[in-house]
Amino acid sequence: MAQTRLLLVDDDRTILAVLAQALRHKYYHVELAESGLEALDIAARNPFDLAIVDMRMPTMCGGDV
């Protein structure tokens, strides 16, 4: 069975690290992005089942992602 693929997007590295550690422990495949633009680039190359996106980020807010 394939792992559920998650994309975590946040400009705070600490939050990304904590979420990634918790979710990887649950056997999810997790990829990280530190900006909305980076998230769009990653998502264009890989399909994801779910994205968890910070709503307040510089340059591009989570709603725009």
PDB file of N, CA and C in Angstrom:
ATOM      1  N   MET A   1       0.838  -1.179   0.000  1.00  0.00           N
ATOM      2  CA  MET A   1       0.000   0.000   0.000  1.00  0.00           C
ATOM      3  C   MET A   1       0.888   1.249   0.000  1.00  0.00           C
ATOM      4  N   ALA A   2       0.585   2.212  -0.840  1.00  0.00           N
ATOM      5  CA  ALA A   2       1.367   3.437  -0.946  1.00  0.00           C
ATOM      6  C   ALA A   2       1.124   4.340   0.259  1.00  0.00           C
ATOM      7  N   GLN A   3       2.176   5.034   0.674  1.00  0.00           N
ATOM      8  CA  GLN A   3       2.043   5.987   1.766  1.00  0.00           C
ATOM      9  C   GLN A   3       1.274   7.222   1.300  1.00  0.00           C
ATOM     10  N   THR A   4       0.524   7.799   2.219  1.00  0.00           N
ATOM     11  CA  THR A   4      -0.132   9.063   1.948  1.00  0.00           C
ATOM     12  C   THR A   4       0.938  10.141   1.842  1.00  0.00           C
ATOM     13  N   ARG A   5       0.855  10.949   0.804  1.00  0.00           N
ATOM     14  CA  ARG A   5       1.859  11.991   0.551  1.00  0.00           C
ATOM     15  C   ARG A   5       1.347  13.339   1.043  1.00  0.00           C
ATOM     16  N   LEU A   6       2.123  13.965   1.941  1.00  0.00           N
ATOM     17  CA  LEU A   6       1.757  15.245   2.526  1.00  0.00           C
ATOM     18  C   LEU A   6       2.782  16.310   2.143  1.00  0.00           C
ATOM     19  N   LEU A   7       2.299  17.504   1.873  1.00  0.00           N
ATOM     20  CA  LEU A   7       3.160  18.659   1.647  1.00  0.00           C
ATOM     21  C   LEU A   7       2.891  19.648   2.773  1.00  0.00           C
ATOM     22  N   LEU A   8       3.933  19.960   3.547  1.00  0.00           N
ATOM     23  CA  LEU A   8       3.824  20.927   4.631  1.00  0.00           C
ATOM     24  C   LEU A   8       4.487  22.224   4.193  1.00  0.00           C
ATOM     25  N   VAL A   9       3.771  23.330   4.372  1.00  0.00           N
ATOM     26  CA  VAL A   9       4.271  24.624   3.917  1.00  0.00           C
ATOM     27  C   VAL A   9       4.190  25.627   5.067  1.00  0.00           C
ATOM     28  N   ASP A  10       5.347  26.152   5.463  1.00  0.00           N
ATOM     29  CA  ASP A  10       5.387  27.158   6.524  1.00  0.00           C
ATOM     30  C   ASP A  10       6.718  27.876   6.434  1.00  0.00           C
ATOM     31  N   ASP A  11       6.728  29.175   6.702  1.00  0.00           N
ATOM     32  CA  ASP A  11       7.978  29.933   6.679  1.00  0.00           C
ATOM     33  C   ASP A  11       8.767  29.788   7.975  1.00  0.00           C
ATOM     34  N   ASP A  12       8.213  29.110   8.965  1.00  0.00           N
ATOM     35  CA  ASP A  12       8.883  28.869  10.247  1.00  0.00           C
ATOM     36  C   ASP A  12       9.472  27.451  10.242  1.00  0.00           C
ATOM     37  N   ARG A  13      10.796  27.362  10.199  1.00  0.00           N
ATOM     38  CA  ARG A  13      11.463  26.049  10.126  1.00  0.00           C
ATOM     39  C   ARG A  13      11.182  25.167  11.333  1.00  0.00           C
ATOM     40  N   THR A  14      11.016  25.772  12.502  1.00  0.00           N
ATOM     41  CA  THR A  14      10.736  24.986  13.708  1.00  0.00           C
ATOM     42  C   THR A  14       9.388  24.282  13.593  1.00  0.00           C
ATOM     43  N   ILE A  15       8.386  25.003  13.138  1.00  0.00           N
ATOM     44  CA  ILE A  15       7.067  24.400  12.957  1.00  0.00           C
ATOM     45  C   ILE A  15       7.138  23.273  11.931  1.00  0.00           C
ATOM     46  N   LEU A  16       7.829  23.502  10.826  1.00  0.00           N
ATOM     47  CA  LEU A  16       7.978  22.455   9.811  1.00  0.00           C
ATOM     48  C   LEU A  16       8.637  21.218  10.396  1.00  0.00           C
ATOM     49  N   ALA A  17       9.694  21.415  11.167  1.00  0.00           N
ATOM     50  CA  ALA A  17      10.425  20.277  11.729  1.00  0.00           C
ATOM     51  C   ALA A  17       9.564  19.469  12.693  1.00  0.00           C
ATOM     52  N   VAL A  18       8.819  20.157  13.547  1.00  0.00           N
ATOM     53  CA  VAL A  18       7.965  19.474  14.527  1.00  0.00           C
ATOM     54  C   VAL A  18       6.850  18.701  13.822  1.00  0.00           C
ATOM     55  N   LEU A  19       6.175  19.351  12.884  1.00  0.00           N
ATOM     56  CA  LEU A  19       5.102  18.676  12.146  1.00  0.00           C
ATOM     57  C   LEU A  19       5.638  17.485  11.342  1.00  0.00           C
ATOM     58  N   ALA A  20       6.750  17.686  10.674  1.00  0.00           N
ATOM     59  CA  ALA A  20       7.321  16.608   9.864  1.00  0.00           C
ATOM     60  C   ALA A  20       7.683  15.411  10.720  1.00  0.00           C
ATOM     61  N   GLN A  21       8.304  15.661  11.858  1.00  0.00           N
ATOM     62  CA  GLN A  21       8.683  14.561  12.738  1.00  0.00           C
ATOM     63  C   GLN A  21       7.449  13.793  13.215  1.00  0.00           C
ATOM     64  N   ALA A  22       6.418  14.508  13.617  1.00  0.00           N
ATOM     65  CA  ALA A  22       5.203  13.854  14.106  1.00  0.00           C
ATOM     66  C   ALA A  22       4.510  13.056  13.006  1.00  0.00           C
ATOM     67  N   LEU A  23       4.445  13.617  11.815  1.00  0.00           N
ATOM     68  CA  LEU A  23       3.720  12.950  10.734  1.00  0.00           C
ATOM     69  C   LEU A  23       4.528  11.809  10.113  1.00  0.00           C
ATOM     70  N   ARG A  24       5.831  11.945  10.041  1.00  0.00           N
ATOM     71  CA  ARG A  24       6.661  10.844   9.536  1.00  0.00           C
ATOM     72  C   ARG A  24       6.590   9.659  10.476  1.00  0.00           C
ATOM     73  N   HIS A  25       6.446   9.948  11.748  1.00  0.00           N
ATOM     74  CA  HIS A  25       6.305   8.883  12.740  1.00  0.00           C
ATOM     75  C   HIS A  25       5.044   8.055  12.473  1.00  0.00           C
ATOM     76  N   LYS A  26       4.066   8.673  11.874  1.00  0.00           N
ATOM     77  CA  LYS A  26       2.809   7.991  11.543  1.00  0.00           C
ATOM     78  C   LYS A  26       2.858   7.363  10.148  1.00  0.00           C
ATOM     79  N   TYR A  27       4.057   7.274   9.580  1.00  0.00           N
ATOM     80  CA  TYR A  27       4.282   6.595   8.296  1.00  0.00           C
ATOM     81  C   TYR A  27       3.716   7.325   7.085  1.00  0.00           C
ATOM     82  N   TYR A  28       3.664   8.645   7.157  1.00  0.00           N
ATOM     83  CA  TYR A  28       3.313   9.443   5.991  1.00  0.00           C
ATOM     84  C   TYR A  28       4.598   9.811   5.247  1.00  0.00           C
ATOM     85  N   HIS A  29       4.491   9.983   3.941  1.00  0.00           N
ATOM     86  CA  HIS A  29       5.597  10.556   3.175  1.00  0.00           C
ATOM     87  C   HIS A  29       5.400  12.061   3.236  1.00  0.00           C
ATOM     88  N   VAL A  30       6.372  12.779   3.797  1.00  0.00           N
ATOM     89  CA  VAL A  30       6.237  14.207   4.037  1.00  0.00           C
ATOM     90  C   VAL A  30       7.308  14.972   3.268  1.00  0.00           C
ATOM     91  N   GLU A  31       6.892  16.017   2.553  1.00  0.00           N
ATOM     92  CA  GLU A  31       7.829  16.941   1.936  1.00  0.00           C
ATOM     93  C   GLU A  31       7.557  18.324   2.487  1.00  0.00           C
ATOM     94  N   LEU A  32       8.608  19.138   2.530  1.00  0.00           N
ATOM     95  CA  LEU A  32       8.530  20.444   3.171  1.00  0.00           C
ATOM     96  C   LEU A  32       8.807  21.565   2.186  1.00  0.00           C
ATOM     97  N   ALA A  33       8.138  22.688   2.398  1.00  0.00           N
ATOM     98  CA  ALA A  33       8.399  23.910   1.634  1.00  0.00           C
ATOM     99  C   ALA A  33       8.364  25.076   2.604  1.00  0.00           C
ATOM    100  N   GLU A  34       9.294  26.022   2.422  1.00  0.00           N
ATOM    101  CA  GLU A  34       9.371  27.177   3.305  1.00  0.00           C
ATOM    102  C   GLU A  34       8.709  28.422   2.731  1.00  0.00           C
ATOM    103  N   SER A  35       8.093  28.290   1.569  1.00  0.00           N
ATOM    104  CA  SER A  35       7.382  29.433   0.980  1.00  0.00           C
ATOM    105  C   SER A  35       6.296  28.918   0.042  1.00  0.00           C
ATOM    106  N   GLY A  36       5.384  29.805  -0.293  1.00  0.00           N
ATOM    107  CA  GLY A  36       4.331  29.443  -1.230  1.00  0.00           C
ATOM    108  C   GLY A  36       4.879  29.114  -2.606  1.00  0.00           C
ATOM    109  N   LEU A  37       5.854  29.891  -3.057  1.00  0.00           N
ATOM    110  CA  LEU A  37       6.446  29.636  -4.373  1.00  0.00           C
ATOM    111  C   LEU A  37       7.158  28.293  -4.416  1.00  0.00           C
ATOM    112  N   GLU A  38       7.879  27.965  -3.356  1.00  0.00           N
ATOM    113  CA  GLU A  38       8.545  26.659  -3.282  1.00  0.00           C
ATOM    114  C   GLU A  38       7.508  25.534  -3.273  1.00  0.00           C
ATOM    115  N   ALA A  39       6.418  25.723  -2.561  1.00  0.00           N
ATOM    116  CA  ALA A  39       5.355  24.715  -2.498  1.00  0.00           C
ATOM    117  C   ALA A  39       4.762  24.463  -3.881  1.00  0.00           C
ATOM    118  N   LEU A  40       4.507  25.530  -4.626  1.00  0.00           N
ATOM    119  CA  LEU A  40       3.955  25.374  -5.973  1.00  0.00           C
ATOM    120  C   LEU A  40       4.921  24.636  -6.887  1.00  0.00           C
ATOM    121  N   ASP A  41       6.210  24.933  -6.756  1.00  0.00           N
ATOM    122  CA  ASP A  41       7.217  24.258  -7.561  1.00  0.00           C
ATOM    123  C   ASP A  41       7.257  22.761  -7.248  1.00  0.00           C
ATOM    124  N   ILE A  42       7.249  22.426  -5.973  1.00  0.00           N
ATOM    125  CA  ILE A  42       7.271  21.018  -5.558  1.00  0.00           C
ATOM    126  C   ILE A  42       5.998  20.309  -6.010  1.00  0.00           C
ATOM    127  N   ALA A  43       4.848  20.949  -5.815  1.00  0.00           N
ATOM    128  CA  ALA A  43       3.569  20.339  -6.171  1.00  0.00           C
ATOM    129  C   ALA A  43       3.426  20.139  -7.680  1.00  0.00           C
ATOM    130  N   ALA A  44       4.073  20.989  -8.469  1.00  0.00           N
ATOM    131  CA  ALA A  44       4.012  20.843  -9.930  1.00  0.00           C
ATOM    132  C   ALA A  44       4.744  19.584 -10.395  1.00  0.00           C
ATOM    133  N   ARG A  45       5.712  19.129  -9.605  1.00  0.00           N
ATOM    134  CA  ARG A  45       6.503  17.951  -9.976  1.00  0.00           C
ATOM    135  C   ARG A  45       6.024  16.662  -9.328  1.00  0.00           C
ATOM    136  N   ASN A  46       5.234  16.782  -8.249  1.00  0.00           N
ATOM    137  CA  ASN A  46       4.825  15.599  -7.482  1.00  0.00           C
ATOM    138  C   ASN A  46       3.368  15.714  -7.054  1.00  0.00           C
ATOM    139  N   PRO A  47       2.597  14.660  -7.195  1.00  0.00           N
ATOM    140  CA  PRO A  47       1.220  14.705  -6.684  1.00  0.00           C
ATOM    141  C   PRO A  47       1.206  14.502  -5.162  1.00  0.00           C
ATOM    142  N   PHE A  48       0.323  15.221  -4.488  1.00  0.00           N
ATOM    143  CA  PHE A  48       0.178  15.081  -3.039  1.00  0.00           C
ATOM    144  C   PHE A  48      -1.275  14.787  -2.708  1.00  0.00           C
ATOM    145  N   ASP A  49      -1.462  14.035  -1.634  1.00  0.00           N
ATOM    146  CA  ASP A  49      -2.807  13.736  -1.157  1.00  0.00           C
ATOM    147  C   ASP A  49      -3.366  14.882  -0.316  1.00  0.00           C
ATOM    148  N   LEU A  50      -2.462  15.613   0.352  1.00  0.00           N
ATOM    149  CA  LEU A  50      -2.893  16.679   1.255  1.00  0.00           C
ATOM    150  C   LEU A  50      -1.767  17.690   1.405  1.00  0.00           C
ATOM    151  N   ALA A  51      -2.128  18.966   1.460  1.00  0.00           N
ATOM    152  CA  ALA A  51      -1.172  20.027   1.774  1.00  0.00           C
ATOM    153  C   ALA A  51      -1.651  20.747   3.023  1.00  0.00           C
ATOM    154  N   ILE A  52      -0.742  20.946   3.950  1.00  0.00           N
ATOM    155  CA  ILE A  52      -1.009  21.730   5.149  1.00  0.00           C
ATOM    156  C   ILE A  52      -0.201  23.009   4.989  1.00  0.00           C
ATOM    157  N   VAL A  53      -0.917  24.138   4.860  1.00  0.00           N
ATOM    158  CA  VAL A  53      -0.273  25.382   4.451  1.00  0.00           C
ATOM    159  C   VAL A  53      -0.532  26.492   5.476  1.00  0.00           C
ATOM    160  N   ASP A  54       0.545  27.153   5.894  1.00  0.00           N
ATOM    161  CA  ASP A  54       0.447  28.327   6.762  1.00  0.00           C
ATOM    162  C   ASP A  54      -0.288  29.424   5.997  1.00  0.00           C
ATOM    163  N   MET A  55      -1.228  30.074   6.628  1.00  0.00           N
ATOM    164  CA  MET A  55      -2.001  31.107   5.947  1.00  0.00           C
ATOM    165  C   MET A  55      -1.271  32.447   5.880  1.00  0.00           C
ATOM    166  N   ARG A  56      -0.353  32.706   6.822  1.00  0.00           N
ATOM    167  CA  ARG A  56       0.358  33.988   6.856  1.00  0.00           C
ATOM    168  C   ARG A  56       1.844  33.764   6.585  1.00  0.00           C
ATOM    169  N   MET A  57       2.232  34.010   5.342  1.00  0.00           N
ATOM    170  CA  MET A  57       3.632  33.905   4.944  1.00  0.00           C
ATOM    171  C   MET A  57       3.977  35.108   4.088  1.00  0.00           C
ATOM    172  N   PRO A  58       5.252  35.498   4.097  1.00  0.00           N
ATOM    173  CA  PRO A  58       5.650  36.604   3.210  1.00  0.00           C
ATOM    174  C   PRO A  58       5.561  36.188   1.748  1.00  0.00           C
ATOM    175  N   THR A  59       5.404  37.113   0.885  1.00  0.00           N
ATOM    176  CA  THR A  59       5.366  36.937  -0.574  1.00  0.00           C
ATOM    177  C   THR A  59       4.060  36.334  -1.065  1.00  0.00           C
ATOM    178  N   MET A  60       3.681  35.168  -0.562  1.00  0.00           N
ATOM    179  CA  MET A  60       2.455  34.502  -1.023  1.00  0.00           C
ATOM    180  C   MET A  60       1.765  33.853   0.183  1.00  0.00           C
ATOM    181  N   CYS A  61       0.539  34.260   0.463  1.00  0.00           N
ATOM    182  CA  CYS A  61      -0.184  33.697   1.606  1.00  0.00           C
ATOM    183  C   CYS A  61      -0.701  32.299   1.286  1.00  0.00           C
ATOM    184  N   GLY A  62      -1.054  31.564   2.322  1.00  0.00           N
ATOM    185  CA  GLY A  62      -1.535  30.203   2.134  1.00  0.00           C
ATOM    186  C   GLY A  62      -2.764  30.120   1.261  1.00  0.00           C
ATOM    187  N   GLY A  63      -3.643  31.098   1.323  1.00  0.00           N
ATOM    188  CA  GLY A  63      -4.839  31.106   0.493  1.00  0.00           C
ATOM    189  C   GLY A  63      -4.509  31.182  -1.000  1.00  0.00           C
ATOM    190  N   ASP A  64      -3.433  31.883  -1.330  1.00  0.00           N
ATOM    191  CA  ASP A  64      -3.011  31.971  -2.729  1.00  0.00           C
ATOM    192  C   ASP A  64      -2.358  30.674  -3.221  1.00  0.00           C
ATOM    193  N   VAL A  65      -1.728  29.957  -2.292  1.00  0.00           N
ATOM    194  CA  VAL A  65      -1.102  28.681  -2.672  1.00  0.00           C
ATOM    195  C   VAL A  65      -2.186  27.713  -3.086  1.00  0.00           C
TER     196      VAL A  65
END
